[in-house]
Amino acid sequence: QVQLVESGGGLVQAGGSLRLSCAASGSISSINVMGWYRQAPGKQRELVATITNGGTTNYGDSVKGRFTISRDNAKNTVYLQMNSLKPEDTAVYYCRMVLVSNNYWGQGTQVTVSS
């Protein structure tokens, strides 16, 4: 079993920054893809960013140029640096990790951006 623990969410003013972390623990051999998704009230969950174990990144159009995803394979941890935050970035952010055997989701962390 694999557990994901997220941290770093909170309340920030527009234009500010936050850094999210998600650490995986448990029976882990190799994590192929790590990623962040978000879901705002009344909306579908959407891609924020993903990063492969080779370092290839992919970003949702709305966050390109403002958010940066990175990973520390030794710590089984993925990070999301969020800069120039906007009120429309307000959502619950979920990390996801894709292993060979299965994929896992974190419990979510709230990010609220005030205008």
N, C-alpha and C. Protein backbone atom coordinates (compact mmCIF):
# COMPACT_ATOMS: atom_id res chain seq x y z
N GLN A 1 0.84 -1.19 0.00
CA GLN A 1 0.00 0.00 0.00
C GLN A 1 0.87 1.25 0.00
N VAL A 2 0.40 2.27 -0.67
CA VAL A 2 1.13 3.53 -0.78
C VAL A 2 0.26 4.65 -0.22
N GLN A 3 0.88 5.51 0.57
CA GLN A 3 0.17 6.67 1.11
C GLN A 3 0.83 7.94 0.61
N LEU A 4 0.00 8.91 0.29
CA LEU A 4 0.48 10.22 -0.15
C LEU A 4 0.05 11.26 0.87
N VAL A 5 0.99 12.09 1.28
CA VAL A 5 0.69 13.14 2.25
C VAL A 5 1.07 14.48 1.65
N GLU A 6 0.07 15.34 1.51
CA GLU A 6 0.28 16.66 0.92
C GLU A 6 0.42 17.71 2.01
N SER A 7 1.12 18.77 1.68
CA SER A 7 1.25 19.90 2.60
C SER A 7 1.53 21.16 1.81
N GLY A 8 1.34 22.31 2.46
CA GLY A 8 1.71 23.58 1.87
C GLY A 8 0.57 24.45 1.40
N GLY A 9 -0.65 23.94 1.46
CA GLY A 9 -1.77 24.78 1.05
C GLY A 9 -2.05 25.87 2.06
N GLY A 10 -2.95 26.78 1.68
CA GLY A 10 -3.31 27.85 2.59
C GLY A 10 -3.97 29.01 1.88
N LEU A 11 -4.00 30.14 2.57
CA LEU A 11 -4.61 31.37 2.06
C LEU A 11 -3.52 32.35 1.69
N VAL A 12 -3.63 32.91 0.50
CA VAL A 12 -2.63 33.87 0.03
C VAL A 12 -3.32 34.94 -0.79
N GLN A 13 -2.75 36.11 -0.82
CA GLN A 13 -3.30 37.19 -1.63
C GLN A 13 -2.90 37.02 -3.09
N ALA A 14 -3.70 37.59 -3.95
CA ALA A 14 -3.39 37.54 -5.38
C ALA A 14 -2.00 38.13 -5.62
N GLY A 15 -1.24 37.46 -6.49
CA GLY A 15 0.13 37.86 -6.76
C GLY A 15 1.15 37.17 -5.88
N GLY A 16 0.67 36.47 -4.87
CA GLY A 16 1.58 35.80 -3.94
C GLY A 16 2.00 34.43 -4.44
N SER A 17 2.72 33.73 -3.56
CA SER A 17 3.27 32.42 -3.92
C SER A 17 2.99 31.40 -2.82
N LEU A 18 2.91 30.15 -3.23
CA LEU A 18 2.82 29.03 -2.32
C LEU A 18 3.61 27.87 -2.91
N ARG A 19 4.07 26.99 -2.04
CA ARG A 19 4.76 25.78 -2.49
C ARG A 19 4.08 24.57 -1.87
N LEU A 20 3.61 23.69 -2.71
CA LEU A 20 2.98 22.45 -2.26
C LEU A 20 3.99 21.31 -2.31
N SER A 21 3.84 20.38 -1.36
CA SER A 21 4.66 19.18 -1.34
C SER A 21 3.77 17.97 -1.20
N CYS A 22 4.22 16.87 -1.76
CA CYS A 22 3.49 15.60 -1.63
C CYS A 22 4.52 14.49 -1.52
N ALA A 23 4.50 13.81 -0.38
CA ALA A 23 5.46 12.73 -0.12
C ALA A 23 4.76 11.39 -0.12
N ALA A 24 5.35 10.44 -0.78
CA ALA A 24 4.81 9.08 -0.83
C ALA A 24 5.57 8.17 0.11
N SER A 25 4.84 7.28 0.75
CA SER A 25 5.47 6.29 1.62
C SER A 25 4.76 4.95 1.43
N GLY A 26 5.46 3.89 1.83
CA GLY A 26 4.86 2.56 1.70
C GLY A 26 5.66 1.70 0.75
N SER A 27 4.96 0.80 0.09
CA SER A 27 5.60 -0.16 -0.80
C SER A 27 5.82 0.49 -2.17
N ILE A 28 7.01 1.09 -2.32
CA ILE A 28 7.30 1.85 -3.54
C ILE A 28 8.56 1.30 -4.18
N SER A 29 8.44 0.94 -5.45
CA SER A 29 9.63 0.51 -6.18
C SER A 29 10.08 1.61 -7.13
N SER A 30 9.17 2.11 -7.90
CA SER A 30 9.50 3.18 -8.85
C SER A 30 8.24 3.97 -9.15
N ILE A 31 8.37 5.26 -9.14
CA ILE A 31 7.24 6.13 -9.45
C ILE A 31 7.46 6.70 -10.85
N ASN A 32 6.60 6.32 -11.77
CA ASN A 32 6.78 6.74 -13.15
C ASN A 32 6.44 8.21 -13.36
N VAL A 33 5.26 8.58 -12.93
CA VAL A 33 4.80 9.95 -13.14
C VAL A 33 4.27 10.50 -11.82
N MET A 34 4.65 11.72 -11.53
CA MET A 34 4.10 12.45 -10.39
C MET A 34 3.36 13.67 -10.95
N GLY A 35 2.27 14.02 -10.30
CA GLY A 35 1.52 15.14 -10.84
C GLY A 35 0.64 15.82 -9.84
N TRP A 36 0.15 16.97 -10.25
CA TRP A 36 -0.79 17.76 -9.46
C TRP A 36 -2.03 18.04 -10.30
N TYR A 37 -3.17 17.93 -9.67
CA TYR A 37 -4.45 18.25 -10.28
C TYR A 37 -5.20 19.15 -9.30
N ARG A 38 -6.23 19.82 -9.80
CA ARG A 38 -7.01 20.66 -8.90
C ARG A 38 -8.48 20.60 -9.26
N GLN A 39 -9.29 20.90 -8.26
CA GLN A 39 -10.73 20.90 -8.48
C GLN A 39 -11.34 22.06 -7.71
N ALA A 40 -11.93 22.96 -8.47
CA ALA A 40 -12.63 24.10 -7.88
C ALA A 40 -14.09 23.72 -7.67
N PRO A 41 -14.79 24.41 -6.78
CA PRO A 41 -16.20 24.09 -6.53
C PRO A 41 -17.03 24.16 -7.80
N GLY A 42 -17.79 23.11 -8.06
CA GLY A 42 -18.66 23.09 -9.22
C GLY A 42 -17.96 22.79 -10.54
N LYS A 43 -16.67 22.50 -10.48
CA LYS A 43 -15.92 22.23 -11.70
C LYS A 43 -15.30 20.84 -11.66
N GLN A 44 -14.92 20.37 -12.83
CA GLN A 44 -14.26 19.07 -12.91
C GLN A 44 -12.79 19.18 -12.49
N ARG A 45 -12.25 18.07 -12.05
CA ARG A 45 -10.83 18.05 -11.71
C ARG A 45 -10.03 18.25 -12.99
N GLU A 46 -9.00 19.09 -12.91
CA GLU A 46 -8.20 19.39 -14.08
C GLU A 46 -6.72 19.22 -13.82
N LEU A 47 -5.99 18.99 -14.88
CA LEU A 47 -4.55 18.86 -14.78
C LEU A 47 -3.90 20.20 -14.46
N VAL A 48 -2.97 20.15 -13.52
CA VAL A 48 -2.13 21.32 -13.25
C VAL A 48 -0.76 21.10 -13.87
N ALA A 49 -0.11 20.00 -13.47
CA ALA A 49 1.22 19.71 -14.00
C ALA A 49 1.59 18.27 -13.69
N THR A 50 2.42 17.70 -14.56
CA THR A 50 2.97 16.37 -14.33
C THR A 50 4.46 16.37 -14.65
N ILE A 51 5.16 15.40 -14.07
CA ILE A 51 6.58 15.25 -14.33
C ILE A 51 6.91 13.76 -14.33
N THR A 52 7.63 13.33 -15.35
CA THR A 52 8.00 11.92 -15.45
C THR A 52 9.27 11.65 -14.66
N ASN A 53 9.61 10.36 -14.54
CA ASN A 53 10.85 10.05 -13.81
C ASN A 53 12.08 10.47 -14.61
N GLY A 54 11.89 10.81 -15.87
CA GLY A 54 12.99 11.34 -16.66
C GLY A 54 13.08 12.85 -16.62
N GLY A 55 12.12 13.47 -15.96
CA GLY A 55 12.14 14.92 -15.81
C GLY A 55 11.31 15.69 -16.83
N THR A 56 10.62 15.00 -17.69
CA THR A 56 9.76 15.68 -18.66
C THR A 56 8.53 16.24 -17.97
N THR A 57 8.25 17.51 -18.21
CA THR A 57 7.12 18.17 -17.55
C THR A 57 6.02 18.52 -18.54
N ASN A 58 4.83 18.64 -17.98
CA ASN A 58 3.67 19.03 -18.78
C ASN A 58 2.79 19.90 -17.89
N TYR A 59 2.29 21.00 -18.43
CA TYR A 59 1.51 21.94 -17.64
C TYR A 59 0.15 22.22 -18.28
N GLY A 60 -0.82 22.48 -17.44
CA GLY A 60 -2.09 22.97 -17.94
C GLY A 60 -1.91 24.39 -18.48
N ASP A 61 -2.69 24.74 -19.47
CA ASP A 61 -2.51 26.04 -20.13
C ASP A 61 -2.65 27.21 -19.16
N SER A 62 -3.52 27.07 -18.18
CA SER A 62 -3.80 28.20 -17.30
C SER A 62 -2.67 28.47 -16.30
N VAL A 63 -1.74 27.57 -16.15
CA VAL A 63 -0.67 27.76 -15.17
C VAL A 63 0.71 27.89 -15.79
N LYS A 64 0.81 27.73 -17.10
CA LYS A 64 2.10 27.81 -17.77
C LYS A 64 2.76 29.16 -17.51
N GLY A 65 4.03 29.11 -17.16
CA GLY A 65 4.78 30.32 -16.90
C GLY A 65 4.66 30.83 -15.47
N ARG A 66 3.73 30.26 -14.70
CA ARG A 66 3.55 30.71 -13.31
C ARG A 66 3.87 29.59 -12.30
N PHE A 67 3.60 28.36 -12.66
CA PHE A 67 3.81 27.22 -11.77
C PHE A 67 4.98 26.39 -12.26
N THR A 68 5.69 25.78 -11.32
CA THR A 68 6.81 24.90 -11.66
C THR A 68 6.70 23.62 -10.84
N ILE A 69 6.73 22.48 -11.53
CA ILE A 69 6.70 21.19 -10.85
C ILE A 69 8.11 20.62 -10.81
N SER A 70 8.44 19.97 -9.71
CA SER A 70 9.74 19.31 -9.58
C SER A 70 9.57 18.07 -8.70
N ARG A 71 10.57 17.22 -8.71
CA ARG A 71 10.48 16.01 -7.92
C ARG A 71 11.84 15.64 -7.34
N ASP A 72 11.80 14.98 -6.20
CA ASP A 72 12.99 14.44 -5.56
C ASP A 72 12.78 12.93 -5.46
N ASN A 73 13.40 12.20 -6.36
CA ASN A 73 13.18 10.75 -6.40
C ASN A 73 13.67 10.04 -5.15
N ALA A 74 14.74 10.55 -4.55
CA ALA A 74 15.27 9.92 -3.35
C ALA A 74 14.29 10.02 -2.19
N LYS A 75 13.47 11.06 -2.20
CA LYS A 75 12.49 11.27 -1.12
C LYS A 75 11.08 10.89 -1.55
N ASN A 76 10.92 10.42 -2.79
CA ASN A 76 9.57 10.09 -3.31
C ASN A 76 8.61 11.26 -3.11
N THR A 77 9.10 12.44 -3.45
CA THR A 77 8.34 13.65 -3.19
C THR A 77 8.22 14.50 -4.45
N VAL A 78 7.06 15.09 -4.63
CA VAL A 78 6.83 16.02 -5.73
C VAL A 78 6.45 17.37 -5.15
N TYR A 79 6.91 18.41 -5.83
CA TYR A 79 6.67 19.78 -5.38
C TYR A 79 5.94 20.56 -6.47
N LEU A 80 5.22 21.60 -6.04
CA LEU A 80 4.60 22.51 -6.98
C LEU A 80 4.82 23.92 -6.46
N GLN A 81 5.68 24.65 -7.14
CA GLN A 81 5.92 26.06 -6.81
C GLN A 81 4.92 26.88 -7.60
N MET A 82 4.10 27.64 -6.89
CA MET A 82 3.05 28.43 -7.52
C MET A 82 3.33 29.91 -7.28
N ASN A 83 3.59 30.63 -8.35
CA ASN A 83 3.86 32.06 -8.29
C ASN A 83 2.76 32.84 -9.00
N SER A 84 2.72 34.13 -8.74
CA SER A 84 1.74 35.02 -9.40
C SER A 84 0.33 34.43 -9.31
N LEU A 85 -0.04 34.00 -8.12
CA LEU A 85 -1.33 33.35 -7.94
C LEU A 85 -2.49 34.30 -8.21
N LYS A 86 -3.55 33.72 -8.76
CA LYS A 86 -4.75 34.47 -9.11
C LYS A 86 -5.95 33.90 -8.35
N PRO A 87 -6.99 34.67 -8.16
CA PRO A 87 -8.18 34.13 -7.48
C PRO A 87 -8.72 32.88 -8.17
N GLU A 88 -8.59 32.80 -9.47
CA GLU A 88 -9.09 31.62 -10.19
C GLU A 88 -8.24 30.37 -9.96
N ASP A 89 -7.13 30.50 -9.26
CA ASP A 89 -6.34 29.33 -8.87
C ASP A 89 -6.90 28.68 -7.61
N THR A 90 -7.87 29.30 -6.99
CA THR A 90 -8.49 28.74 -5.79
C THR A 90 -9.12 27.38 -6.09
N ALA A 91 -8.71 26.37 -5.33
CA ALA A 91 -9.19 25.01 -5.56
C ALA A 91 -8.59 24.09 -4.51
N VAL A 92 -9.07 22.85 -4.51
CA VAL A 92 -8.40 21.80 -3.75
C VAL A 92 -7.39 21.16 -4.71
N TYR A 93 -6.15 21.10 -4.28
CA TYR A 93 -5.07 20.54 -5.10
C TYR A 93 -4.76 19.12 -4.63
N TYR A 94 -4.71 18.23 -5.60
CA TYR A 94 -4.46 16.82 -5.32
C TYR A 94 -3.17 16.37 -6.01
N CYS A 95 -2.36 15.62 -5.30
CA CYS A 95 -1.22 15.01 -5.98
C CYS A 95 -1.60 13.60 -6.42
N ARG A 96 -0.93 13.17 -7.44
CA ARG A 96 -1.17 11.83 -7.98
C ARG A 96 0.17 11.23 -8.34
N MET A 97 0.32 9.95 -8.04
CA MET A 97 1.56 9.26 -8.39
C MET A 97 1.21 7.97 -9.11
N VAL A 98 1.85 7.78 -10.25
CA VAL A 98 1.60 6.61 -11.08
C VAL A 98 2.78 5.66 -10.94
N LEU A 99 2.50 4.50 -10.36
CA LEU A 99 3.51 3.46 -10.23
C LEU A 99 3.25 2.38 -11.28
N VAL A 100 4.13 1.43 -11.38
CA VAL A 100 3.94 0.34 -12.33
C VAL A 100 2.66 -0.43 -12.00
N SER A 101 2.41 -0.60 -10.70
CA SER A 101 1.31 -1.45 -10.27
C SER A 101 -0.02 -0.74 -10.19
N ASN A 102 0.00 0.56 -9.94
CA ASN A 102 -1.25 1.26 -9.68
C ASN A 102 -0.98 2.76 -9.67
N ASN A 103 -2.05 3.52 -9.51
CA ASN A 103 -1.85 4.96 -9.30
C ASN A 103 -2.59 5.37 -8.04
N TYR A 104 -2.06 6.39 -7.38
CA TYR A 104 -2.55 6.81 -6.08
C TYR A 104 -2.79 8.31 -6.04
N TRP A 105 -3.77 8.69 -5.23
CA TRP A 105 -4.13 10.10 -5.06
C TRP A 105 -3.93 10.52 -3.61
N GLY A 106 -3.53 11.77 -3.42
CA GLY A 106 -3.48 12.34 -2.09
C GLY A 106 -4.86 12.77 -1.64
N GLN A 107 -4.95 13.23 -0.41
CA GLN A 107 -6.24 13.59 0.16
C GLN A 107 -6.68 14.99 -0.24
N GLY A 108 -5.77 15.76 -0.79
CA GLY A 108 -6.10 17.11 -1.23
C GLY A 108 -5.70 18.16 -0.21
N THR A 109 -5.29 19.31 -0.71
CA THR A 109 -4.96 20.45 0.15
C THR A 109 -5.58 21.71 -0.45
N GLN A 110 -6.19 22.50 0.40
CA GLN A 110 -6.92 23.68 -0.08
C GLN A 110 -5.96 24.84 -0.34
N VAL A 111 -6.13 25.45 -1.49
CA VAL A 111 -5.42 26.68 -1.82
C VAL A 111 -6.48 27.75 -2.09
N THR A 112 -6.41 28.84 -1.37
CA THR A 112 -7.36 29.93 -1.53
C THR A 112 -6.60 31.21 -1.83
N VAL A 113 -6.94 31.86 -2.93
CA VAL A 113 -6.28 33.09 -3.33
C VAL A 113 -7.30 34.22 -3.25
N SER A 114 -7.02 35.20 -2.41
CA SER A 114 -7.94 36.32 -2.24
C SER A 114 -7.57 37.46 -3.18
N SER A 115 -8.57 38.21 -3.58
CA SER A 115 -8.34 39.29 -4.56
C SER A 115 -8.08 40.62 -3.91
